[in-house]
């Protein structure tokens, strides 16, 4: 914290003393000159020098008083702002301000009050010149709708010629006056600076000085309150983030054991079915169970990583993969859901042999999320179409449904996390699809009408042609 002189006008007082010393020295030098050289008597010399000396003294006093007042109006608010700029705790700023201002103004007592939440009362938060226990029992100052509230809310000072009967300075009596200075911040009344001082105190009559102190103090204290509020909000967010991490860690831990059992049992069944009849319907269903369990195991692993690292981003294992294989595998996974609603899926490809460089597992998740979304909003016995095409150096996969469509105002919002509108679910599927598509340097969007269904499109950069042996081995097909 920067050191500030409690008497910032010390230089002015020193200059006044030097000026008076100069007059005394001049008189001391001139007296012998007038007496010895001009032959004047002491009385005559005094008669000659007195008018000039008195005029000089009067000029110094007037100039000093004017300079003192002007410097007060500038220096006190400036140094108060500099001092409070390095203090972020509201109580500490109030205490420091009360000490500085009381010392500068020569006040017998001073109280810093802050407006209550309902704006009807002023609560004392710091005091100077009053007993140390005063704040614990100090009454609040009611504002209400009276003349005091009206005056302060207009940014004007309220002066009481006597402190008799005053709620805060009643012990001062008739020899003191009380001045209430509004603490204004951003055009709003935030508090009151109450000052009790002798009636002959010149500072109490300098309303410009007091108003400037009120503006600086009000703004500084309001900034402290805002800082404390933001700090509390940040701590609350940190606590919520910790709770989120604990929740993810607990959920992922609880899912691991049953998921491992499912995978082991499904793999044993798949091995048995492949031995009997590799083309059986039962074998294909068990293969889908194994793929789904493997995908779920990968998601649980990501949950563990997310719970440990807030900045976690999935690490992509990129391989050249045929886009038709990706589409076929994704359709195969959602086929049981489609069949349960008696829906149909058609696959249309104009890109045979086209290769993209992706993380197979994660990009399949993009397609699965789009297909699941289409299946959810397509009515029973409805139709879903998946098509691929090449356009301007991109491979574009389109999932079209025959659902109710999406309004223009929602077409960007549906990709935001937890946005559902009037839809069911958690609102995460499309957000995850967008995030994974962007990790692959791709993009995703929707083309829709209000009544004729929706077309969700995901685009990836086109890769150079690859030989068949370079392609990643496709997983089980539909």
Protein backbone atom coordinates (compact mmCIF):
# COMPACT_ATOMS: atom_id res chain seq x y z
CA UNK A 1 0.00 0.00 0.00
CA UNK A 2 1.36 3.39 -0.92
CA UNK A 3 2.36 5.72 1.90
CA UNK A 4 0.38 8.96 2.00
CA UNK A 5 1.12 11.90 4.29
CA UNK A 6 -1.79 12.48 6.66
CA UNK A 7 -1.18 16.20 6.09
CA UNK A 8 -0.87 16.53 2.28
CA UNK A 9 -0.88 20.35 2.58
CA UNK A 10 2.30 20.36 4.62
CA UNK A 11 4.20 22.06 1.76
CA UNK A 12 1.75 24.95 1.72
CA UNK A 13 2.14 25.52 5.45
CA UNK A 14 5.93 25.42 5.12
CA UNK A 15 5.75 27.99 2.29
CA UNK A 16 3.66 30.29 4.49
CA UNK A 17 6.20 30.05 7.28
CA UNK A 18 9.03 30.91 4.87
CA UNK A 19 7.08 33.93 3.58
CA UNK A 20 6.54 35.22 7.14
CA UNK A 21 10.20 34.61 7.91
CA UNK A 22 11.14 36.61 4.82
CA UNK A 23 9.04 39.60 6.00
CA UNK A 24 10.65 39.45 9.44
CA UNK A 25 14.13 39.33 7.88
CA UNK A 26 13.28 42.24 5.57
CA UNK A 27 12.02 44.38 8.45
CA UNK A 28 15.06 43.47 10.52
CA UNK A 29 17.37 44.58 7.69
CA UNK A 30 15.46 47.75 6.80
CA UNK A 31 15.15 49.14 10.33
CA UNK A 32 18.94 49.82 10.76
CA UNK A 33 19.09 51.22 7.21
CA UNK A 34 16.30 53.72 7.87
CA UNK A 35 17.61 54.67 11.31
CA UNK A 36 21.32 55.01 10.47
CA UNK A 37 21.26 56.28 6.87
CA UNK A 38 18.10 58.39 6.84
CA UNK A 39 18.29 59.46 10.45
CA UNK A 40 14.70 58.46 11.23
CA UNK A 41 13.63 57.67 14.72
CA UNK A 42 12.30 54.29 15.71
CA UNK A 43 8.76 55.71 15.66
CA UNK A 44 9.24 57.19 12.21
CA UNK A 45 10.75 54.01 10.91
CA UNK A 46 7.81 52.02 12.28
CA UNK A 47 5.41 54.54 10.68
CA UNK A 48 7.12 54.04 7.28
CA UNK A 49 7.45 50.25 7.37
CA UNK A 50 4.18 49.34 9.10
CA UNK A 51 1.83 49.86 6.10
CA UNK A 52 4.01 47.77 3.80
CA UNK A 53 4.49 45.02 6.35
CA UNK A 54 0.79 44.85 7.18
CA UNK A 55 -0.09 44.82 3.48
CA UNK A 56 2.41 42.01 2.90
CA UNK A 57 1.03 40.04 5.85
CA UNK A 58 -2.54 40.52 4.63
CA UNK A 59 -1.59 39.49 1.10
CA UNK A 60 0.17 36.37 2.34
CA UNK A 61 -2.84 35.42 4.50
CA UNK A 62 -5.37 35.92 1.71
CA UNK A 63 -3.25 34.13 -0.86
CA UNK A 64 -2.55 31.29 1.54
CA UNK A 65 -6.21 30.82 2.42
CA UNK A 66 -7.23 30.80 -1.24
CA UNK A 67 -4.42 28.44 -2.21
CA UNK A 68 -5.21 26.23 0.78
CA UNK A 69 -8.86 25.89 -0.22
CA UNK A 70 -8.03 25.17 -3.87
CA UNK A 71 -5.43 22.60 -2.95
CA UNK A 72 -7.81 20.91 -0.53
CA UNK A 73 -10.40 20.49 -3.26
CA UNK A 74 -7.84 18.81 -5.47
CA UNK A 75 -5.43 17.00 -3.17
CA UNK A 76 -7.83 15.41 -0.67
CA UNK A 77 -10.10 13.65 -3.21
CA UNK A 78 -7.09 12.68 -5.35
CA UNK A 79 -5.14 11.12 -2.49
CA UNK A 80 -8.25 9.45 -1.09
CA UNK A 81 -8.83 7.76 -4.46
CA UNK A 82 -5.17 6.70 -4.72
CA UNK A 83 -5.21 5.27 -1.22
CA UNK A 84 -8.42 3.26 -1.66
CA UNK A 85 -7.46 1.99 -5.13
CA UNK A 86 -5.18 -0.63 -3.56
CA UNK A 87 -7.76 -1.85 -1.00
CA UNK A 88 -10.26 -4.49 -2.11
CA UNK A 89 -11.92 -5.40 1.18
CA UNK A 90 -14.96 -3.27 1.92
CA UNK A 91 -14.53 -3.01 5.76
CA UNK A 92 -10.82 -2.18 5.44
CA UNK A 93 -11.55 0.52 2.84
CA UNK A 94 -14.22 2.07 5.11
CA UNK A 95 -11.87 2.17 8.10
CA UNK A 96 -9.01 3.66 6.12
CA UNK A 97 -11.23 6.29 4.52
CA UNK A 98 -12.77 7.33 7.85
CA UNK A 99 -9.32 7.79 9.39
CA UNK A 100 -7.96 9.86 6.49
CA UNK A 101 -10.98 12.11 6.03
CA UNK A 102 -11.42 12.75 9.75
CA UNK A 103 -7.78 13.77 10.03
CA UNK A 104 -7.84 15.99 6.95
CA UNK A 105 -11.04 17.79 7.88
CA UNK A 106 -10.25 18.13 11.57
CA UNK A 107 -13.56 16.43 12.48
CA UNK A 108 -14.44 15.54 16.04
CA UNK A 109 -16.26 12.42 14.83
CA UNK A 110 -16.96 10.80 11.49
CA UNK A 111 -19.15 7.85 10.41
CA UNK A 112 -19.26 5.99 7.09
CA UNK A 113 -22.72 4.54 6.49
CA UNK A 114 -23.85 2.21 3.71
CA UNK A 115 -27.33 1.82 2.29
CA UNK A 116 -29.26 -1.32 3.25
CA UNK A 117 -30.52 -3.70 0.56
CA UNK A 118 -34.04 -2.25 0.69
CA UNK A 119 -32.63 1.28 0.38
CA UNK A 120 -34.58 2.54 3.39
CA UNK A 121 -31.85 2.66 6.05
CA UNK A 122 -28.18 3.59 6.32
CA UNK A 123 -26.10 1.13 8.35
CA UNK A 124 -22.90 2.47 10.02
CA UNK A 125 -19.90 0.43 8.85
CA UNK A 126 -16.92 2.49 10.09
CA UNK A 127 -16.38 5.32 12.56
CA UNK A 128 -13.63 7.64 13.74
CA UNK A 129 -13.56 9.69 16.93
CA UNK A 130 -16.24 7.59 18.63
CA UNK A 131 -15.83 4.83 21.26
CA UNK A 132 -14.46 1.55 19.92
CA UNK A 133 -17.64 -0.31 20.93
CA UNK A 134 -19.95 2.23 19.31
CA UNK A 135 -20.36 0.35 16.02
CA UNK A 136 -21.70 -2.76 17.76
CA UNK A 137 -24.66 -0.88 19.21
CA UNK A 138 -24.94 2.00 16.75
CA UNK A 139 -28.44 2.63 15.38
CA UNK A 140 -29.14 2.68 11.68
CA UNK A 141 -30.20 5.93 10.11
CA UNK A 142 -33.73 5.79 8.65
CA UNK A 143 -34.19 7.41 5.27
CA UNK A 144 -37.74 6.65 4.28
CA UNK A 145 -39.34 9.26 2.03
CA UNK A 146 -38.58 12.30 4.18
CA UNK A 147 -36.62 15.45 3.38
CA UNK A 148 -33.32 13.80 4.36
CA UNK A 149 -33.81 11.03 1.81
CA UNK A 150 -34.89 13.47 -0.88
CA UNK A 151 -31.87 15.74 -0.28
CA UNK A 152 -29.30 12.94 -0.27
CA UNK A 153 -30.78 11.13 -3.27
CA UNK A 154 -30.47 14.34 -5.25
CA UNK A 155 -26.75 14.38 -4.49
CA UNK A 156 -26.99 17.39 -2.16
CA UNK A 157 -25.37 17.85 1.24
CA UNK A 158 -27.52 17.96 4.35
CA UNK A 159 -26.28 20.31 7.09
CA UNK A 160 -27.59 20.41 10.65
CA UNK A 161 -26.52 23.44 12.69
CA UNK A 162 -26.39 21.42 15.88
CA UNK A 163 -25.83 17.79 16.83
CA UNK A 164 -28.38 17.93 19.64
CA UNK A 165 -30.66 14.92 19.26
CA UNK A 166 -28.64 13.51 16.37
CA UNK A 167 -28.76 9.69 16.17
CA UNK A 168 -25.00 9.39 15.71
CA UNK A 169 -23.46 12.60 17.13
CA UNK A 170 -25.88 13.55 19.90
CA UNK A 171 -23.10 13.94 22.47
CA UNK A 172 -21.56 16.92 20.67
CA UNK A 173 -24.19 19.49 21.66
CA UNK A 174 -24.77 22.97 20.22
CA UNK A 175 -21.10 23.79 19.71
CA UNK A 176 -20.93 21.39 16.74
CA UNK A 177 -22.61 21.03 13.39
CA UNK A 178 -23.30 17.78 11.52
CA UNK A 179 -22.92 17.43 7.76
CA UNK A 180 -24.24 14.44 5.83
CA UNK A 181 -22.49 13.91 2.51
CA UNK A 182 -24.10 11.54 -0.04
CA UNK A 183 -21.84 8.76 -1.29
CA UNK A 184 -22.77 8.52 -4.94
CA UNK A 185 -21.62 5.86 -7.40
CA UNK A 186 -22.73 5.67 -11.02
CA UNK A 187 -25.53 8.12 -10.37
CA UNK A 188 -27.01 6.19 -7.43
CA UNK A 189 -26.97 6.94 -3.71
CA UNK A 190 -24.96 4.16 -2.06
CA UNK A 191 -24.22 5.54 1.39
CA UNK A 192 -23.59 8.54 3.62
CA UNK A 193 -20.47 10.20 5.02
CA UNK A 194 -21.53 11.85 8.27
CA UNK A 195 -19.16 14.44 9.82
CA UNK A 196 -19.40 16.22 13.17
CA UNK A 197 -17.08 19.21 13.72
CA UNK A 198 -16.88 22.60 15.41
CA UNK A 199 -19.10 25.27 13.92
CA UNK A 200 -16.01 27.37 13.14
CA UNK A 201 -14.49 24.60 11.01
CA UNK A 202 -13.98 26.07 7.53
CA UNK A 203 -14.05 22.67 5.83
CA UNK A 204 -17.67 22.16 6.88
CA UNK A 205 -18.65 25.17 4.76
CA UNK A 206 -16.72 24.04 1.67
CA UNK A 207 -19.45 22.02 -0.03
CA UNK A 208 -17.37 21.50 -3.18
CA UNK A 209 -14.68 19.74 -1.18
CA UNK A 210 -17.15 17.58 0.71
CA UNK A 211 -19.05 16.66 -2.45
CA UNK A 212 -15.84 15.64 -4.21
CA UNK A 213 -14.85 13.46 -1.26
CA UNK A 214 -18.32 11.87 -1.33
CA UNK A 215 -18.09 11.01 -5.03
CA UNK A 216 -14.60 9.51 -4.74
CA UNK A 217 -15.44 7.58 -1.59
CA UNK A 218 -18.77 6.32 -2.95
CA UNK A 219 -17.20 5.03 -6.15
CA UNK A 220 -14.26 3.39 -4.33
CA UNK A 221 -16.48 1.62 -1.79
CA UNK A 222 -18.91 0.50 -4.48
CA UNK A 223 -16.00 -1.01 -6.39
CA UNK A 224 -14.98 -2.88 -3.24
CA UNK A 225 -18.50 -4.30 -2.92
CA UNK A 226 -18.49 -5.34 -6.56
CA UNK A 227 -15.10 -6.99 -6.11
CA UNK A 228 -16.31 -8.91 -3.06
CA UNK A 229 -19.43 -9.98 -4.94
CA UNK A 230 -17.42 -11.21 -7.92
CA UNK A 231 -15.02 -13.01 -5.62
CA UNK A 232 -17.88 -14.76 -3.80
CA UNK A 233 -19.39 -15.68 -7.17
CA UNK A 234 -16.07 -17.12 -8.33
CA UNK A 235 -15.76 -19.15 -5.13
CA UNK A 236 -19.30 -20.44 -5.65
CA UNK A 237 -18.45 -21.48 -9.19
CA UNK A 238 -15.32 -23.24 -7.94
CA UNK A 239 -17.40 -25.12 -5.40
CA UNK A 240 -19.91 -26.12 -8.09
CA UNK A 241 -17.03 -27.25 -10.30
CA UNK A 242 -15.63 -29.35 -7.47
CA UNK A 243 -19.06 -30.92 -6.90
CA UNK A 244 -19.32 -31.62 -10.63
CA UNK A 245 -15.93 -33.33 -10.63
CA UNK A 246 -16.87 -35.41 -7.58
CA UNK A 247 -20.15 -36.40 -9.22
CA UNK A 248 -18.49 -37.43 -12.47
CA UNK A 249 -15.85 -39.37 -10.60
CA UNK A 250 -18.49 -41.22 -8.54
CA UNK A 251 -20.69 -42.00 -11.52
CA UNK A 252 -17.82 -43.24 -13.66
CA UNK A 253 -16.58 -45.44 -10.81
CA UNK A 254 -20.03 -46.95 -10.25
CA UNK A 255 -20.47 -47.67 -13.97
CA UNK A 256 -17.18 -49.46 -14.44
CA UNK A 257 -18.00 -52.69 -12.56
CA UNK A 258 -21.36 -53.55 -14.19
CA UNK A 259 -20.06 -52.45 -17.58
CA UNK A 260 -17.08 -54.79 -17.31
CA UNK A 261 -19.43 -57.65 -16.48
CA UNK A 262 -21.64 -56.84 -19.48
CA UNK A 263 -18.67 -56.72 -21.85
CA UNK A 264 -17.22 -60.02 -20.62
CA UNK A 265 -20.56 -61.79 -20.85
CA UNK A 266 -21.32 -60.36 -24.30
CA UNK A 267 -17.88 -61.29 -25.65
CA UNK A 268 -18.28 -64.86 -24.41
CA UNK A 269 -21.71 -65.09 -26.07
CA UNK A 270 -20.34 -63.60 -29.30
CA UNK A 271 -17.48 -66.10 -29.38
CA UNK A 272 -19.94 -68.96 -28.88
CA UNK A 273 -22.32 -67.70 -31.57
CA UNK A 274 -19.52 -67.17 -34.10
CA UNK A 275 -18.49 -70.77 -33.54
CA UNK A 276 -22.02 -72.04 -34.20
CA UNK A 277 -23.24 -69.76 -36.99
CA UNK A 278 -21.41 -66.49 -37.82
CA UNK A 279 -24.38 -65.22 -39.86
CA UNK A 280 -27.12 -65.85 -37.30
CA UNK A 281 -29.40 -63.02 -36.20
CA UNK A 282 -28.54 -63.75 -32.59
CA UNK A 283 -24.84 -63.34 -33.35
CA UNK A 284 -25.44 -59.96 -34.98
CA UNK A 285 -27.43 -58.77 -31.96
CA UNK A 286 -24.70 -59.89 -29.58
CA UNK A 287 -22.12 -58.12 -31.78
CA UNK A 288 -24.15 -54.92 -31.43
CA UNK A 289 -24.13 -55.39 -27.64
CA UNK A 290 -20.34 -55.75 -27.68
CA UNK A 291 -19.95 -52.60 -29.80
CA UNK A 292 -22.33 -50.62 -27.59
CA UNK A 293 -20.59 -51.76 -24.41
CA UNK A 294 -17.19 -50.89 -25.89
CA UNK A 295 -18.44 -47.43 -26.83
CA UNK A 296 -19.91 -46.93 -23.37
CA UNK A 297 -16.61 -48.01 -21.81
CA UNK A 298 -14.83 -45.32 -23.81
CA UNK A 299 -17.32 -42.70 -22.64
CA UNK A 300 -16.83 -43.75 -19.02
CA UNK A 301 -13.08 -43.37 -19.50
CA UNK A 302 -13.66 -39.84 -20.78
CA UNK A 303 -15.78 -39.09 -17.71
CA UNK A 304 -12.87 -40.11 -15.50
CA UNK A 305 -10.51 -37.83 -17.42
CA UNK A 306 -12.96 -34.93 -17.30
CA UNK A 307 -13.36 -35.29 -13.53
CA UNK A 308 -9.58 -34.99 -13.17
CA UNK A 309 -8.96 -32.21 -15.68
CA UNK A 310 -11.39 -29.36 -16.36
CA UNK A 311 -9.59 -28.54 -19.62
CA UNK A 312 -9.77 -32.11 -20.87
CA UNK A 313 -10.20 -32.56 -24.60
CA UNK A 314 -10.47 -36.03 -26.12
CA UNK A 315 -7.29 -37.20 -27.79
CA UNK A 316 -8.10 -38.15 -31.36
CA UNK A 317 -6.58 -41.27 -32.89
CA UNK A 318 -6.93 -40.36 -36.55
CA UNK A 319 -7.03 -43.06 -39.22
CA UNK A 320 -8.12 -43.05 -42.88
CA UNK A 321 -11.60 -44.57 -42.90
CA UNK A 322 -14.15 -45.05 -45.67
CA UNK A 323 -17.07 -42.73 -45.04
CA UNK A 324 -19.57 -45.40 -46.16
CA UNK A 325 -18.28 -47.78 -43.46
CA UNK A 326 -18.78 -45.12 -40.80
CA UNK A 327 -22.34 -44.47 -41.92
CA UNK A 328 -23.13 -48.19 -42.13
CA UNK A 329 -21.83 -48.91 -38.62
CA UNK A 330 -23.70 -45.97 -37.09
CA UNK A 331 -26.95 -47.03 -38.75
CA UNK A 332 -26.44 -50.57 -37.49
CA UNK A 333 -26.17 -49.37 -33.90
CA UNK A 334 -29.40 -47.35 -33.96
CA UNK A 335 -31.28 -49.96 -36.06
CA UNK A 336 -32.92 -51.64 -33.03
CA UNK A 337 -34.38 -48.27 -31.91
CA UNK A 338 -35.64 -47.59 -35.43
CA UNK A 339 -37.23 -51.02 -35.68
CA UNK A 340 -39.02 -50.59 -32.35
CA UNK A 341 -40.97 -47.64 -33.83
CA UNK A 342 -41.49 -49.38 -37.19
CA UNK A 343 -39.43 -46.69 -38.90
CA UNK A 344 -37.27 -47.18 -41.98
CA UNK A 345 -33.78 -45.94 -42.87
CA UNK A 346 -32.44 -45.51 -46.39
CA UNK A 347 -28.75 -44.98 -47.14
CA UNK A 348 -27.86 -43.07 -50.30
CA UNK A 349 -24.20 -42.70 -51.20
CA UNK A 350 -22.65 -40.87 -54.12
CA UNK A 351 -19.16 -41.21 -52.66
CA UNK A 352 -18.10 -44.86 -53.00
CA UNK A 353 -14.55 -45.39 -51.78
CA UNK A 354 -14.26 -41.86 -50.38
CA UNK A 355 -11.89 -41.68 -47.41
CA UNK A 356 -11.88 -39.32 -44.42
CA UNK A 357 -9.27 -39.09 -41.71
CA UNK A 358 -11.10 -39.36 -38.40
CA UNK A 359 -11.13 -40.99 -35.01
CA UNK A 360 -13.51 -43.84 -35.88
CA UNK A 361 -15.05 -44.21 -32.44
CA UNK A 362 -15.65 -40.52 -31.88
CA UNK A 363 -16.89 -39.62 -35.33
CA UNK A 364 -19.26 -42.56 -35.24
CA UNK A 365 -20.58 -40.94 -32.07
CA UNK A 366 -21.40 -37.82 -34.11
CA UNK A 367 -23.42 -39.87 -36.60
CA UNK A 368 -25.09 -41.91 -33.86
CA UNK A 369 -26.19 -38.74 -32.07
CA UNK A 370 -27.66 -37.33 -35.29
CA UNK A 371 -29.43 -40.61 -36.06
CA UNK A 372 -30.74 -40.92 -32.51
CA UNK A 373 -32.08 -37.37 -32.71
CA UNK A 374 -33.79 -38.17 -36.03
CA UNK A 375 -35.25 -41.40 -34.66
CA UNK A 376 -36.59 -39.63 -31.58
CA UNK A 377 -38.50 -36.94 -33.48
CA UNK A 378 -39.63 -39.01 -36.46
CA UNK A 379 -43.16 -40.33 -35.88
CA UNK A 380 -43.88 -44.10 -35.83
CA UNK A 381 -43.69 -45.66 -39.32
CA UNK A 382 -41.79 -42.55 -40.42
CA UNK A 383 -38.81 -42.40 -42.72
CA UNK A 384 -35.15 -41.41 -42.19
CA UNK A 385 -32.64 -40.89 -44.99
CA UNK A 386 -28.85 -40.85 -44.67
CA UNK A 387 -26.91 -39.56 -47.66
CA UNK A 388 -23.30 -38.67 -48.43
CA UNK A 389 -21.94 -36.34 -51.09
CA UNK A 390 -18.86 -34.32 -52.00
CA UNK A 391 -19.09 -30.55 -52.31
CA UNK A 392 -16.26 -28.01 -52.58
CA UNK A 393 -13.58 -30.21 -51.08
CA UNK A 394 -15.74 -31.54 -48.25
CA UNK A 395 -17.49 -34.81 -47.58
CA UNK A 396 -20.99 -34.02 -46.33
CA UNK A 397 -23.18 -36.52 -44.49
CA UNK A 398 -26.86 -35.58 -44.25
CA UNK A 399 -29.39 -37.14 -41.88
CA UNK A 400 -32.93 -36.21 -42.91
CA UNK A 401 -36.02 -37.05 -40.85
CA UNK A 402 -39.76 -36.63 -41.32
CA UNK A 403 -40.36 -35.04 -37.94
CA UNK A 404 -42.00 -31.73 -37.02
CA UNK A 405 -39.09 -29.54 -38.12
CA UNK A 406 -37.24 -26.78 -36.27
CA UNK A 407 -38.15 -23.11 -36.25
CA UNK A 408 -35.63 -20.50 -37.52
CA UNK A 409 -35.06 -19.11 -34.03
CA UNK A 410 -33.89 -22.48 -32.68
CA UNK A 411 -31.55 -23.64 -35.42
CA UNK A 412 -28.47 -22.25 -33.67
CA UNK A 413 -29.67 -22.77 -30.11
CA UNK A 414 -30.18 -26.54 -30.47
CA UNK A 415 -26.41 -27.01 -30.60
CA UNK A 416 -25.96 -25.30 -27.21
CA UNK A 417 -25.46 -27.59 -24.18
CA UNK A 418 -28.65 -28.33 -22.22
CA UNK A 419 -30.89 -26.43 -24.62
CA UNK A 420 -34.07 -28.42 -25.17
CA UNK A 421 -36.80 -25.95 -26.11
CA UNK A 422 -40.00 -28.01 -26.11
CA UNK A 423 -38.06 -31.24 -26.72
CA UNK A 424 -37.30 -34.13 -24.39
CA UNK A 425 -33.90 -35.33 -23.22
CA UNK A 426 -30.99 -33.49 -21.60
CA UNK A 427 -30.07 -31.36 -24.60
CA UNK A 428 -26.53 -32.76 -24.87
CA UNK A 429 -26.59 -35.00 -27.95
CA UNK A 430 -26.33 -32.27 -30.59
CA UNK A 431 -23.90 -30.23 -28.47
CA UNK A 432 -21.58 -33.26 -28.21
CA UNK A 433 -21.93 -33.90 -31.94
CA UNK A 434 -20.93 -30.31 -32.72
CA UNK A 435 -17.95 -30.44 -30.36
CA UNK A 436 -16.64 -33.71 -31.84
CA UNK A 437 -17.17 -32.49 -35.41
CA UNK A 438 -15.16 -29.33 -34.70
CA UNK A 439 -12.37 -31.42 -33.15
CA UNK A 440 -12.08 -33.07 -36.56
CA UNK A 441 -11.88 -29.61 -38.23
CA UNK A 442 -15.39 -30.14 -39.49
CA UNK A 443 -18.65 -28.29 -39.11
CA UNK A 444 -22.27 -29.11 -38.43
CA UNK A 445 -25.54 -27.33 -39.17
CA UNK A 446 -29.24 -27.92 -39.71
CA UNK A 447 -31.51 -27.12 -42.62
CA UNK A 448 -35.13 -27.30 -41.64
CA UNK A 449 -38.63 -26.01 -42.16
CA UNK A 450 -41.33 -25.69 -39.54
CA UNK A 451 -43.39 -28.60 -40.97
CA UNK A 452 -41.38 -30.76 -43.36
CA UNK A 453 -38.76 -32.32 -41.13
CA UNK A 454 -35.08 -31.50 -40.62
CA UNK A 455 -31.80 -32.18 -42.37
CA UNK A 456 -28.72 -32.27 -40.15
CA UNK A 457 -25.48 -31.96 -42.07
CA UNK A 458 -21.93 -32.66 -40.93
CA UNK A 459 -18.99 -31.82 -43.20
CA UNK A 460 -15.38 -33.05 -43.09
CA UNK A 461 -12.35 -32.06 -45.17
CA UNK A 462 -11.85 -34.45 -48.08
CA UNK A 463 -8.73 -36.63 -47.85
CA UNK A 464 -6.56 -37.80 -50.76
CA UNK A 465 -7.43 -41.21 -52.15
CA UNK A 466 -6.03 -44.07 -50.09
CA UNK A 467 -5.30 -47.65 -51.01
CA UNK A 468 -7.67 -50.27 -49.54
CA UNK A 469 -4.98 -51.64 -47.22
CA UNK A 470 -4.52 -48.16 -45.73
CA UNK A 471 -8.09 -48.00 -44.55
CA UNK A 472 -8.93 -48.73 -40.96
CA UNK A 473 -10.56 -52.14 -40.56
CA UNK A 474 -14.30 -51.51 -40.39
CA UNK A 475 -16.25 -52.65 -37.40
CA UNK A 476 -19.29 -54.90 -37.65
CA UNK A 477 -21.79 -53.67 -40.25
CA UNK A 478 -25.50 -53.28 -40.06
